[in-house]
Amino acid sequence: MRSALALAALLLAGPAVAQSARPATCSRDLFQNEAGLRQQQTRLAAVATADQATQCRAYREHVGYLQKSRAVFATCQSGAERERNVAEMDSDLRDYRALIANRCGGR
């Protein structure tokens, strides 16, 4: 009986424990992440007509940012919103890595 009560307590505490495991900085991190994504889009637009070396450098920097952004979403969000944003970052990472491989000579 005692083990059943302990299991029930753990199951009920699970979501609360998961919520408290998030860093206290998540609100700030998500805000900065959104602002950073807008800045990245501006940077990419600015190099659209630049030479290939400049574009490739911007693409590589963008991949680095997408990796950081994905980590913020994975750490600070939950549920469907987390799944949607992580999947979008994964898709963008695949696309930019393929672009780099095709236009920039690999990595």
PDB file of N, CA and C in Angstrom:
ATOM      1  N   MET A   1       0.823  -1.188   0.000  1.00  0.00           N
ATOM      2  CA  MET A   1       0.000   0.000   0.000  1.00  0.00           C
ATOM      3  C   MET A   1       0.873   1.261   0.000  1.00  0.00           C
ATOM      4  N   ARG A   2       1.905   1.241   0.799  1.00  0.00           N
ATOM      5  CA  ARG A   2       2.783   2.403   0.892  1.00  0.00           C
ATOM      6  C   ARG A   2       3.453   2.672  -0.451  1.00  0.00           C
ATOM      7  N   SER A   3       3.886   1.631  -1.159  1.00  0.00           N
ATOM      8  CA  SER A   3       4.535   1.828  -2.449  1.00  0.00           C
ATOM      9  C   SER A   3       3.557   2.370  -3.482  1.00  0.00           C
ATOM     10  N   ALA A   4       2.293   1.985  -3.406  1.00  0.00           N
ATOM     11  CA  ALA A   4       1.289   2.519  -4.320  1.00  0.00           C
ATOM     12  C   ALA A   4       1.081   4.004  -4.074  1.00  0.00           C
ATOM     13  N   LEU A   5       1.082   4.395  -2.818  1.00  0.00           N
ATOM     14  CA  LEU A   5       0.941   5.821  -2.486  1.00  0.00           C
ATOM     15  C   LEU A   5       2.162   6.609  -2.952  1.00  0.00           C
ATOM     16  N   ALA A   6       3.342   6.032  -2.774  1.00  0.00           N
ATOM     17  CA  ALA A   6       4.561   6.710  -3.212  1.00  0.00           C
ATOM     18  C   ALA A   6       4.564   6.863  -4.731  1.00  0.00           C
ATOM     19  N   LEU A   7       4.141   5.807  -5.445  1.00  0.00           N
ATOM     20  CA  LEU A   7       4.076   5.878  -6.900  1.00  0.00           C
ATOM     21  C   LEU A   7       3.075   6.940  -7.346  1.00  0.00           C
ATOM     22  N   ALA A   8       1.925   6.974  -6.700  1.00  0.00           N
ATOM     23  CA  ALA A   8       0.916   7.976  -7.034  1.00  0.00           C
ATOM     24  C   ALA A   8       1.451   9.382  -6.784  1.00  0.00           C
ATOM     25  N   ALA A   9       2.159   9.568  -5.695  1.00  0.00           N
ATOM     26  CA  ALA A   9       2.734  10.883  -5.388  1.00  0.00           C
ATOM     27  C   ALA A   9       3.754  11.290  -6.443  1.00  0.00           C
ATOM     28  N   LEU A  10       4.584  10.322  -6.873  1.00  0.00           N
ATOM     29  CA  LEU A  10       5.566  10.624  -7.920  1.00  0.00           C
ATOM     30  C   LEU A  10       4.892  10.975  -9.233  1.00  0.00           C
ATOM     31  N   LEU A  11       3.848  10.239  -9.585  1.00  0.00           N
ATOM     32  CA  LEU A  11       3.142  10.518 -10.834  1.00  0.00           C
ATOM     33  C   LEU A  11       2.490  11.893 -10.805  1.00  0.00           C
ATOM     34  N   LEU A  12       1.933  12.243  -9.669  1.00  0.00           N
ATOM     35  CA  LEU A  12       1.307  13.558  -9.558  1.00  0.00           C
ATOM     36  C   LEU A  12       2.344  14.671  -9.523  1.00  0.00           C
ATOM     37  N   ALA A  13       3.489  14.397  -8.950  1.00  0.00           N
ATOM     38  CA  ALA A  13       4.537  15.420  -8.847  1.00  0.00           C
ATOM     39  C   ALA A  13       5.325  15.550 -10.148  1.00  0.00           C
ATOM     40  N   GLY A  14       5.245  14.560 -11.018  1.00  0.00           N
ATOM     41  CA  GLY A  14       6.021  14.567 -12.258  1.00  0.00           C
ATOM     42  C   GLY A  14       5.943  15.861 -13.029  1.00  0.00           C
ATOM     43  N   PRO A  15       4.739  16.338 -13.401  1.00  0.00           N
ATOM     44  CA  PRO A  15       4.667  17.594 -14.146  1.00  0.00           C
ATOM     45  C   PRO A  15       5.227  18.782 -13.367  1.00  0.00           C
ATOM     46  N   ALA A  16       5.014  18.815 -12.067  1.00  0.00           N
ATOM     47  CA  ALA A  16       5.533  19.923 -11.265  1.00  0.00           C
ATOM     48  C   ALA A  16       7.049  19.885 -11.239  1.00  0.00           C
ATOM     49  N   VAL A  17       7.603  18.679 -11.112  1.00  0.00           N
ATOM     50  CA  VAL A  17       9.057  18.548 -11.112  1.00  0.00           C
ATOM     51  C   VAL A  17       9.613  18.971 -12.470  1.00  0.00           C
ATOM     52  N   ALA A  18       8.963  18.556 -13.542  1.00  0.00           N
ATOM     53  CA  ALA A  18       9.413  18.932 -14.885  1.00  0.00           C
ATOM     54  C   ALA A  18       9.345  20.440 -15.067  1.00  0.00           C
ATOM     55  N   GLN A  19       8.286  21.066 -14.570  1.00  0.00           N
ATOM     56  CA  GLN A  19       8.158  22.513 -14.684  1.00  0.00           C
ATOM     57  C   GLN A  19       9.265  23.215 -13.911  1.00  0.00           C
ATOM     58  N   SER A  20       9.575  22.727 -12.708  1.00  0.00           N
ATOM     59  CA  SER A  20      10.577  23.406 -11.902  1.00  0.00           C
ATOM     60  C   SER A  20      11.989  23.154 -12.427  1.00  0.00           C
ATOM     61  N   ALA A  21      12.167  22.148 -13.277  1.00  0.00           N
ATOM     62  CA  ALA A  21      13.492  21.860 -13.814  1.00  0.00           C
ATOM     63  C   ALA A  21      13.904  22.862 -14.888  1.00  0.00           C
ATOM     64  N   ARG A  22      12.973  23.634 -15.371  1.00  0.00           N
ATOM     65  CA  ARG A  22      13.314  24.641 -16.379  1.00  0.00           C
ATOM     66  C   ARG A  22      14.133  25.751 -15.737  1.00  0.00           C
ATOM     67  N   PRO A  23      15.103  26.254 -16.478  1.00  0.00           N
ATOM     68  CA  PRO A  23      15.905  27.357 -15.931  1.00  0.00           C
ATOM     69  C   PRO A  23      15.045  28.586 -15.633  1.00  0.00           C
ATOM     70  N   ALA A  24      15.430  29.308 -14.625  1.00  0.00           N
ATOM     71  CA  ALA A  24      14.703  30.529 -14.255  1.00  0.00           C
ATOM     72  C   ALA A  24      14.817  31.596 -15.337  1.00  0.00           C
ATOM     73  N   THR A  25      15.759  31.434 -16.239  1.00  0.00           N
ATOM     74  CA  THR A  25      16.004  32.430 -17.284  1.00  0.00           C
ATOM     75  C   THR A  25      15.169  32.198 -18.537  1.00  0.00           C
ATOM     76  N   CYS A  26      14.263  31.226 -18.526  1.00  0.00           N
ATOM     77  CA  CYS A  26      13.538  30.873 -19.749  1.00  0.00           C
ATOM     78  C   CYS A  26      12.741  32.033 -20.345  1.00  0.00           C
ATOM     79  N   SER A  27      12.089  32.818 -19.538  1.00  0.00           N
ATOM     80  CA  SER A  27      11.320  33.948 -20.090  1.00  0.00           C
ATOM     81  C   SER A  27      12.237  34.877 -20.867  1.00  0.00           C
ATOM     82  N   ARG A  28      13.364  35.202 -20.274  1.00  0.00           N
ATOM     83  CA  ARG A  28      14.337  36.068 -20.933  1.00  0.00           C
ATOM     84  C   ARG A  28      14.913  35.375 -22.165  1.00  0.00           C
ATOM     85  N   ASP A  29      15.258  34.097 -22.032  1.00  0.00           N
ATOM     86  CA  ASP A  29      15.857  33.356 -23.136  1.00  0.00           C
ATOM     87  C   ASP A  29      14.918  33.282 -24.333  1.00  0.00           C
ATOM     88  N   LEU A  30      13.636  33.029 -24.091  1.00  0.00           N
ATOM     89  CA  LEU A  30      12.666  32.960 -25.183  1.00  0.00           C
ATOM     90  C   LEU A  30      12.500  34.326 -25.852  1.00  0.00           C
ATOM     91  N   PHE A  31      12.480  35.392 -25.060  1.00  0.00           N
ATOM     92  CA  PHE A  31      12.376  36.746 -25.609  1.00  0.00           C
ATOM     93  C   PHE A  31      13.587  37.060 -26.487  1.00  0.00           C
ATOM     94  N   GLN A  32      14.784  36.763 -25.973  1.00  0.00           N
ATOM     95  CA  GLN A  32      16.005  37.023 -26.734  1.00  0.00           C
ATOM     96  C   GLN A  32      16.084  36.139 -27.973  1.00  0.00           C
ATOM     97  N   ASN A  33      15.574  34.935 -27.852  1.00  0.00           N
ATOM     98  CA  ASN A  33      15.561  34.011 -28.983  1.00  0.00           C
ATOM     99  C   ASN A  33      14.711  34.570 -30.120  1.00  0.00           C
ATOM    100  N   GLU A  34      13.549  35.070 -29.791  1.00  0.00           N
ATOM    101  CA  GLU A  34      12.654  35.651 -30.807  1.00  0.00           C
ATOM    102  C   GLU A  34      13.317  36.858 -31.484  1.00  0.00           C
ATOM    103  N   ALA A  35      13.919  37.719 -30.687  1.00  0.00           N
ATOM    104  CA  ALA A  35      14.608  38.881 -31.243  1.00  0.00           C
ATOM    105  C   ALA A  35      15.780  38.443 -32.120  1.00  0.00           C
ATOM    106  N   GLY A  36      16.506  37.443 -31.685  1.00  0.00           N
ATOM    107  CA  GLY A  36      17.631  36.930 -32.450  1.00  0.00           C
ATOM    108  C   GLY A  36      17.210  36.327 -33.784  1.00  0.00           C
ATOM    109  N   LEU A  37      16.092  35.628 -33.784  1.00  0.00           N
ATOM    110  CA  LEU A  37      15.594  35.064 -35.037  1.00  0.00           C
ATOM    111  C   LEU A  37      15.236  36.154 -36.035  1.00  0.00           C
ATOM    112  N   ARG A  38      14.658  37.240 -35.547  1.00  0.00           N
ATOM    113  CA  ARG A  38      14.357  38.380 -36.438  1.00  0.00           C
ATOM    114  C   ARG A  38      15.650  38.992 -36.978  1.00  0.00           C
ATOM    115  N   GLN A  39      16.663  39.130 -36.126  1.00  0.00           N
ATOM    116  CA  GLN A  39      17.948  39.668 -36.576  1.00  0.00           C
ATOM    117  C   GLN A  39      18.593  38.757 -37.620  1.00  0.00           C
ATOM    118  N   GLN A  40      18.495  37.471 -37.407  1.00  0.00           N
ATOM    119  CA  GLN A  40      19.058  36.518 -38.368  1.00  0.00           C
ATOM    120  C   GLN A  40      18.384  36.653 -39.726  1.00  0.00           C
ATOM    121  N   GLN A  41      17.082  36.816 -39.740  1.00  0.00           N
ATOM    122  CA  GLN A  41      16.372  36.990 -41.014  1.00  0.00           C
ATOM    123  C   GLN A  41      16.839  38.263 -41.719  1.00  0.00           C
ATOM    124  N   THR A  42      17.061  39.309 -40.962  1.00  0.00           N
ATOM    125  CA  THR A  42      17.562  40.561 -41.535  1.00  0.00           C
ATOM    126  C   THR A  42      18.964  40.358 -42.108  1.00  0.00           C
ATOM    127  N   ARG A  43      19.822  39.647 -41.389  1.00  0.00           N
ATOM    128  CA  ARG A  43      21.183  39.380 -41.872  1.00  0.00           C
ATOM    129  C   ARG A  43      21.167  38.557 -43.153  1.00  0.00           C
ATOM    130  N   LEU A  44      20.310  37.544 -43.175  1.00  0.00           N
ATOM    131  CA  LEU A  44      20.231  36.712 -44.376  1.00  0.00           C
ATOM    132  C   LEU A  44      19.721  37.509 -45.574  1.00  0.00           C
ATOM    133  N   ALA A  45      18.756  38.367 -45.340  1.00  0.00           N
ATOM    134  CA  ALA A  45      18.241  39.206 -46.429  1.00  0.00           C
ATOM    135  C   ALA A  45      19.326  40.158 -46.933  1.00  0.00           C
ATOM    136  N   ALA A  46      20.164  40.637 -46.026  1.00  0.00           N
ATOM    137  CA  ALA A  46      21.204  41.589 -46.393  1.00  0.00           C
ATOM    138  C   ALA A  46      22.283  40.959 -47.274  1.00  0.00           C
ATOM    139  N   VAL A  47      22.485  39.654 -47.174  1.00  0.00           N
ATOM    140  CA  VAL A  47      23.527  39.012 -47.977  1.00  0.00           C
ATOM    141  C   VAL A  47      22.960  38.301 -49.210  1.00  0.00           C
ATOM    142  N   ALA A  48      21.689  38.496 -49.477  1.00  0.00           N
ATOM    143  CA  ALA A  48      21.042  37.801 -50.602  1.00  0.00           C
ATOM    144  C   ALA A  48      21.729  38.073 -51.932  1.00  0.00           C
ATOM    145  N   THR A  49      22.271  39.261 -52.094  1.00  0.00           N
ATOM    146  CA  THR A  49      22.932  39.607 -53.358  1.00  0.00           C
ATOM    147  C   THR A  49      24.452  39.708 -53.205  1.00  0.00           C
ATOM    148  N   ALA A  50      24.962  39.275 -52.069  1.00  0.00           N
ATOM    149  CA  ALA A  50      26.404  39.344 -51.809  1.00  0.00           C
ATOM    150  C   ALA A  50      27.124  38.218 -52.549  1.00  0.00           C
ATOM    151  N   ASP A  51      28.442  38.282 -52.529  1.00  0.00           N
ATOM    152  CA  ASP A  51      29.239  37.220 -53.151  1.00  0.00           C
ATOM    153  C   ASP A  51      29.051  35.914 -52.371  1.00  0.00           C
ATOM    154  N   GLN A  52      29.419  34.822 -53.016  1.00  0.00           N
ATOM    155  CA  GLN A  52      29.173  33.507 -52.451  1.00  0.00           C
ATOM    156  C   GLN A  52      29.883  33.299 -51.106  1.00  0.00           C
ATOM    157  N   ALA A  53      31.094  33.779 -50.966  1.00  0.00           N
ATOM    158  CA  ALA A  53      31.835  33.612 -49.710  1.00  0.00           C
ATOM    159  C   ALA A  53      31.104  34.291 -48.547  1.00  0.00           C
ATOM    160  N   THR A  54      30.575  35.476 -48.807  1.00  0.00           N
ATOM    161  CA  THR A  54      29.829  36.204 -47.779  1.00  0.00           C
ATOM    162  C   THR A  54      28.545  35.477 -47.436  1.00  0.00           C
ATOM    163  N   GLN A  55      27.858  34.984 -48.455  1.00  0.00           N
ATOM    164  CA  GLN A  55      26.634  34.227 -48.214  1.00  0.00           C
ATOM    165  C   GLN A  55      26.926  32.960 -47.406  1.00  0.00           C
ATOM    166  N   CYS A  56      27.958  32.248 -47.786  1.00  0.00           N
ATOM    167  CA  CYS A  56      28.286  31.004 -47.087  1.00  0.00           C
ATOM    168  C   CYS A  56      28.630  31.258 -45.622  1.00  0.00           C
ATOM    169  N   ARG A  57      29.354  32.321 -45.361  1.00  0.00           N
ATOM    170  CA  ARG A  57      29.677  32.681 -43.981  1.00  0.00           C
ATOM    171  C   ARG A  57      28.384  32.962 -43.201  1.00  0.00           C
ATOM    172  N   ALA A  58      27.463  33.694 -43.821  1.00  0.00           N
ATOM    173  CA  ALA A  58      26.187  34.002 -43.171  1.00  0.00           C
ATOM    174  C   ALA A  58      25.370  32.726 -42.937  1.00  0.00           C
ATOM    175  N   TYR A  59      25.393  31.811 -43.892  1.00  0.00           N
ATOM    176  CA  TYR A  59      24.661  30.547 -43.734  1.00  0.00           C
ATOM    177  C   TYR A  59      25.226  29.735 -42.571  1.00  0.00           C
ATOM    178  N   ARG A  60      26.536  29.690 -42.482  1.00  0.00           N
ATOM    179  CA  ARG A  60      27.170  28.935 -41.390  1.00  0.00           C
ATOM    180  C   ARG A  60      26.854  29.570 -40.029  1.00  0.00           C
ATOM    181  N   GLU A  61      26.893  30.875 -39.976  1.00  0.00           N
ATOM    182  CA  GLU A  61      26.531  31.563 -38.727  1.00  0.00           C
ATOM    183  C   GLU A  61      25.067  31.301 -38.386  1.00  0.00           C
ATOM    184  N   HIS A  62      24.232  31.259 -39.402  1.00  0.00           N
ATOM    185  CA  HIS A  62      22.814  31.011 -39.186  1.00  0.00           C
ATOM    186  C   HIS A  62      22.585  29.602 -38.632  1.00  0.00           C
ATOM    187  N   VAL A  63      23.310  28.631 -39.129  1.00  0.00           N
ATOM    188  CA  VAL A  63      23.203  27.271 -38.599  1.00  0.00           C
ATOM    189  C   VAL A  63      23.568  27.261 -37.114  1.00  0.00           C
ATOM    190  N   GLY A  64      24.613  27.965 -36.757  1.00  0.00           N
ATOM    191  CA  GLY A  64      24.994  28.066 -35.346  1.00  0.00           C
ATOM    192  C   GLY A  64      23.885  28.678 -34.508  1.00  0.00           C
ATOM    193  N   TYR A  65      23.262  29.721 -35.035  1.00  0.00           N
ATOM    194  CA  TYR A  65      22.170  30.347 -34.298  1.00  0.00           C
ATOM    195  C   TYR A  65      20.974  29.403 -34.186  1.00  0.00           C
ATOM    196  N   LEU A  66      20.655  28.701 -35.264  1.00  0.00           N
ATOM    197  CA  LEU A  66      19.528  27.766 -35.234  1.00  0.00           C
ATOM    198  C   LEU A  66      19.744  26.679 -34.194  1.00  0.00           C
ATOM    199  N   GLN A  67      20.968  26.222 -34.039  1.00  0.00           N
ATOM    200  CA  GLN A  67      21.268  25.210 -33.028  1.00  0.00           C
ATOM    201  C   GLN A  67      21.003  25.756 -31.624  1.00  0.00           C
ATOM    202  N   LYS A  68      21.438  26.988 -31.378  1.00  0.00           N
ATOM    203  CA  LYS A  68      21.187  27.607 -30.071  1.00  0.00           C
ATOM    204  C   LYS A  68      19.702  27.841 -29.859  1.00  0.00           C
ATOM    205  N   SER A  69      19.032  28.298 -30.894  1.00  0.00           N
ATOM    206  CA  SER A  69      17.608  28.569 -30.819  1.00  0.00           C
ATOM    207  C   SER A  69      16.822  27.288 -30.523  1.00  0.00           C
ATOM    208  N   ARG A  70      17.200  26.208 -31.187  1.00  0.00           N
ATOM    209  CA  ARG A  70      16.545  24.922 -30.952  1.00  0.00           C
ATOM    210  C   ARG A  70      16.692  24.517 -29.494  1.00  0.00           C
ATOM    211  N   ALA A  71      17.884  24.703 -28.937  1.00  0.00           N
ATOM    212  CA  ALA A  71      18.126  24.343 -27.543  1.00  0.00           C
ATOM    213  C   ALA A  71      17.238  25.154 -26.592  1.00  0.00           C
ATOM    214  N   VAL A  72      17.039  26.429 -26.892  1.00  0.00           N
ATOM    215  CA  VAL A  72      16.165  27.259 -26.060  1.00  0.00           C
ATOM    216  C   VAL A  72      14.740  26.732 -26.113  1.00  0.00           C
ATOM    217  N   PHE A  73      14.240  26.463 -27.309  1.00  0.00           N
ATOM    218  CA  PHE A  73      12.884  25.929 -27.434  1.00  0.00           C
ATOM    219  C   PHE A  73      12.753  24.596 -26.707  1.00  0.00           C
ATOM    220  N   ALA A  74      13.730  23.717 -26.880  1.00  0.00           N
ATOM    221  CA  ALA A  74      13.676  22.391 -26.267  1.00  0.00           C
ATOM    222  C   ALA A  74      13.703  22.477 -24.745  1.00  0.00           C
ATOM    223  N   THR A  75      14.430  23.441 -24.210  1.00  0.00           N
ATOM    224  CA  THR A  75      14.568  23.584 -22.766  1.00  0.00           C
ATOM    225  C   THR A  75      13.417  24.349 -22.134  1.00  0.00           C
ATOM    226  N   CYS A  76      12.937  25.375 -22.812  1.00  0.00           N
ATOM    227  CA  CYS A  76      12.034  26.334 -22.182  1.00  0.00           C
ATOM    228  C   CYS A  76      10.567  26.202 -22.578  1.00  0.00           C
ATOM    229  N   GLN A  77      10.257  25.366 -23.522  1.00  0.00           N
ATOM    230  CA  GLN A  77       8.855  25.207 -23.912  1.00  0.00           C
ATOM    231  C   GLN A  77       8.412  23.782 -23.641  1.00  0.00           C
ATOM    232  N   SER A  78       7.106  23.582 -23.734  1.00  0.00           N
ATOM    233  CA  SER A  78       6.567  22.240 -23.529  1.00  0.00           C
ATOM    234  C   SER A  78       5.369  22.046 -24.445  1.00  0.00           C
ATOM    235  N   GLY A  79       4.941  20.811 -24.534  1.00  0.00           N
ATOM    236  CA  GLY A  79       3.737  20.486 -25.283  1.00  0.00           C
ATOM    237  C   GLY A  79       3.868  20.719 -26.774  1.00  0.00           C
ATOM    238  N   ALA A  80       2.722  21.043 -27.372  1.00  0.00           N
ATOM    239  CA  ALA A  80       2.645  21.203 -28.825  1.00  0.00           C
ATOM    240  C   ALA A  80       3.513  22.360 -29.318  1.00  0.00           C
ATOM    241  N   GLU A  81       3.599  23.431 -28.538  1.00  0.00           N
ATOM    242  CA  GLU A  81       4.419  24.580 -28.939  1.00  0.00           C
ATOM    243  C   GLU A  81       5.887  24.170 -29.042  1.00  0.00           C
ATOM    244  N   ARG A  82       6.366  23.427 -28.066  1.00  0.00           N
ATOM    245  CA  ARG A  82       7.744  22.941 -28.075  1.00  0.00           C
ATOM    246  C   ARG A  82       7.966  22.038 -29.287  1.00  0.00           C
ATOM    247  N   GLU A  83       7.082  21.092 -29.479  1.00  0.00           N
ATOM    248  CA  GLU A  83       7.233  20.157 -30.589  1.00  0.00           C
ATOM    249  C   GLU A  83       7.261  20.884 -31.933  1.00  0.00           C
ATOM    250  N   ARG A  84       6.384  21.858 -32.100  1.00  0.00           N
ATOM    251  CA  ARG A  84       6.310  22.619 -33.350  1.00  0.00           C
ATOM    252  C   ARG A  84       7.596  23.414 -33.579  1.00  0.00           C
ATOM    253  N   ASN A  85       8.067  24.115 -32.554  1.00  0.00           N
ATOM    254  CA  ASN A  85       9.256  24.952 -32.714  1.00  0.00           C
ATOM    255  C   ASN A  85      10.529  24.130 -32.889  1.00  0.00           C
ATOM    256  N   VAL A  86      10.660  23.044 -32.152  1.00  0.00           N
ATOM    257  CA  VAL A  86      11.833  22.178 -32.312  1.00  0.00           C
ATOM    258  C   VAL A  86      11.832  21.550 -33.703  1.00  0.00           C
ATOM    259  N   ALA A  87      10.665  21.108 -34.162  1.00  0.00           N
ATOM    260  CA  ALA A  87      10.571  20.529 -35.509  1.00  0.00           C
ATOM    261  C   ALA A  87      10.919  21.562 -36.578  1.00  0.00           C
ATOM    262  N   GLU A  88      10.487  22.803 -36.390  1.00  0.00           N
ATOM    263  CA  GLU A  88      10.818  23.856 -37.352  1.00  0.00           C
ATOM    264  C   GLU A  88      12.320  24.124 -37.374  1.00  0.00           C
ATOM    265  N   MET A  89      12.946  24.164 -36.200  1.00  0.00           N
ATOM    266  CA  MET A  89      14.396  24.370 -36.150  1.00  0.00           C
ATOM    267  C   MET A  89      15.121  23.201 -36.808  1.00  0.00           C
ATOM    268  N   ASP A  90      14.666  21.968 -36.559  1.00  0.00           N
ATOM    269  CA  ASP A  90      15.289  20.798 -37.181  1.00  0.00           C
ATOM    270  C   ASP A  90      15.175  20.868 -38.704  1.00  0.00           C
ATOM    271  N   SER A  91      14.019  21.276 -39.185  1.00  0.00           N
ATOM    272  CA  SER A  91      13.809  21.398 -40.630  1.00  0.00           C
ATOM    273  C   SER A  91      14.713  22.483 -41.218  1.00  0.00           C
ATOM    274  N   ASP A  92      14.761  23.631 -40.559  1.00  0.00           N
ATOM    275  CA  ASP A  92      15.629  24.713 -41.037  1.00  0.00           C
ATOM    276  C   ASP A  92      17.096  24.297 -41.016  1.00  0.00           C
ATOM    277  N   LEU A  93      17.501  23.568 -39.969  1.00  0.00           N
ATOM    278  CA  LEU A  93      18.883  23.098 -39.900  1.00  0.00           C
ATOM    279  C   LEU A  93      19.204  22.168 -41.069  1.00  0.00           C
ATOM    280  N   ARG A  94      18.303  21.251 -41.375  1.00  0.00           N
ATOM    281  CA  ARG A  94      18.517  20.358 -42.526  1.00  0.00           C
ATOM    282  C   ARG A  94      18.643  21.163 -43.815  1.00  0.00           C
ATOM    283  N   ASP A  95      17.741  22.134 -43.992  1.00  0.00           N
ATOM    284  CA  ASP A  95      17.745  22.940 -45.216  1.00  0.00           C
ATOM    285  C   ASP A  95      19.038  23.739 -45.362  1.00  0.00           C
ATOM    286  N   TYR A  96      19.474  24.389 -44.294  1.00  0.00           N
ATOM    287  CA  TYR A  96      20.684  25.211 -44.389  1.00  0.00           C
ATOM    288  C   TYR A  96      21.934  24.356 -44.512  1.00  0.00           C
ATOM    289  N   ARG A  97      21.957  23.196 -43.875  1.00  0.00           N
ATOM    290  CA  ARG A  97      23.109  22.310 -44.042  1.00  0.00           C
ATOM    291  C   ARG A  97      23.192  21.805 -45.479  1.00  0.00           C
ATOM    292  N   ALA A  98      22.046  21.499 -46.069  1.00  0.00           N
ATOM    293  CA  ALA A  98      22.027  21.064 -47.480  1.00  0.00           C
ATOM    294  C   ALA A  98      22.476  22.220 -48.381  1.00  0.00           C
ATOM    295  N   LEU A  99      22.014  23.431 -48.103  1.00  0.00           N
ATOM    296  CA  LEU A  99      22.417  24.596 -48.872  1.00  0.00           C
ATOM    297  C   LEU A  99      23.929  24.797 -48.796  1.00  0.00           C
ATOM    298  N   ILE A 100      24.467  24.685 -47.608  1.00  0.00           N
ATOM    299  CA  ILE A 100      25.903  24.842 -47.434  1.00  0.00           C
ATOM    300  C   ILE A 100      26.664  23.747 -48.182  1.00  0.00           C
ATOM    301  N   ALA A 101      26.167  22.524 -48.095  1.00  0.00           N
ATOM    302  CA  ALA A 101      26.830  21.416 -48.782  1.00  0.00           C
ATOM    303  C   ALA A 101      26.810  21.625 -50.307  1.00  0.00           C
ATOM    304  N   ASN A 102      25.710  22.147 -50.822  1.00  0.00           N
ATOM    305  CA  ASN A 102      25.567  22.310 -52.268  1.00  0.00           C
ATOM    306  C   ASN A 102      26.243  23.565 -52.814  1.00  0.00           C
ATOM    307  N   ARG A 103      26.244  24.634 -52.051  1.00  0.00           N
ATOM    308  CA  ARG A 103      26.744  25.900 -52.584  1.00  0.00           C
ATOM    309  C   ARG A 103      28.057  26.361 -51.987  1.00  0.00           C
ATOM    310  N   CYS A 104      28.426  25.773 -50.872  1.00  0.00           N
ATOM    311  CA  CYS A 104      29.600  26.296 -50.163  1.00  0.00           C
ATOM    312  C   CYS A 104      30.714  25.272 -50.001  1.00  0.00           C
ATOM    313  N   GLY A 105      30.625  24.212 -50.735  1.00  0.00           N
ATOM    314  CA  GLY A 105      31.681  23.219 -50.661  1.00  0.00           C
ATOM    315  C   GLY A 105      31.705  22.418 -49.378  1.00  0.00           C
ATOM    316  N   GLY A 106      30.549  22.106 -48.844  1.00  0.00           N
ATOM    317  CA  GLY A 106      30.480  21.288 -47.628  1.00  0.00           C
ATOM    318  C   GLY A 106      30.249  22.117 -46.412  1.00  0.00           C
ATOM    319  N   ARG A 107      30.956  21.784 -45.355  1.00  0.00           N
ATOM    320  CA  ARG A 107      30.773  22.457 -44.072  1.00  0.00           C
ATOM    321  C   ARG A 107      31.156  23.890 -44.222  1.00  0.00           C
TER     322      ARG A 107
END
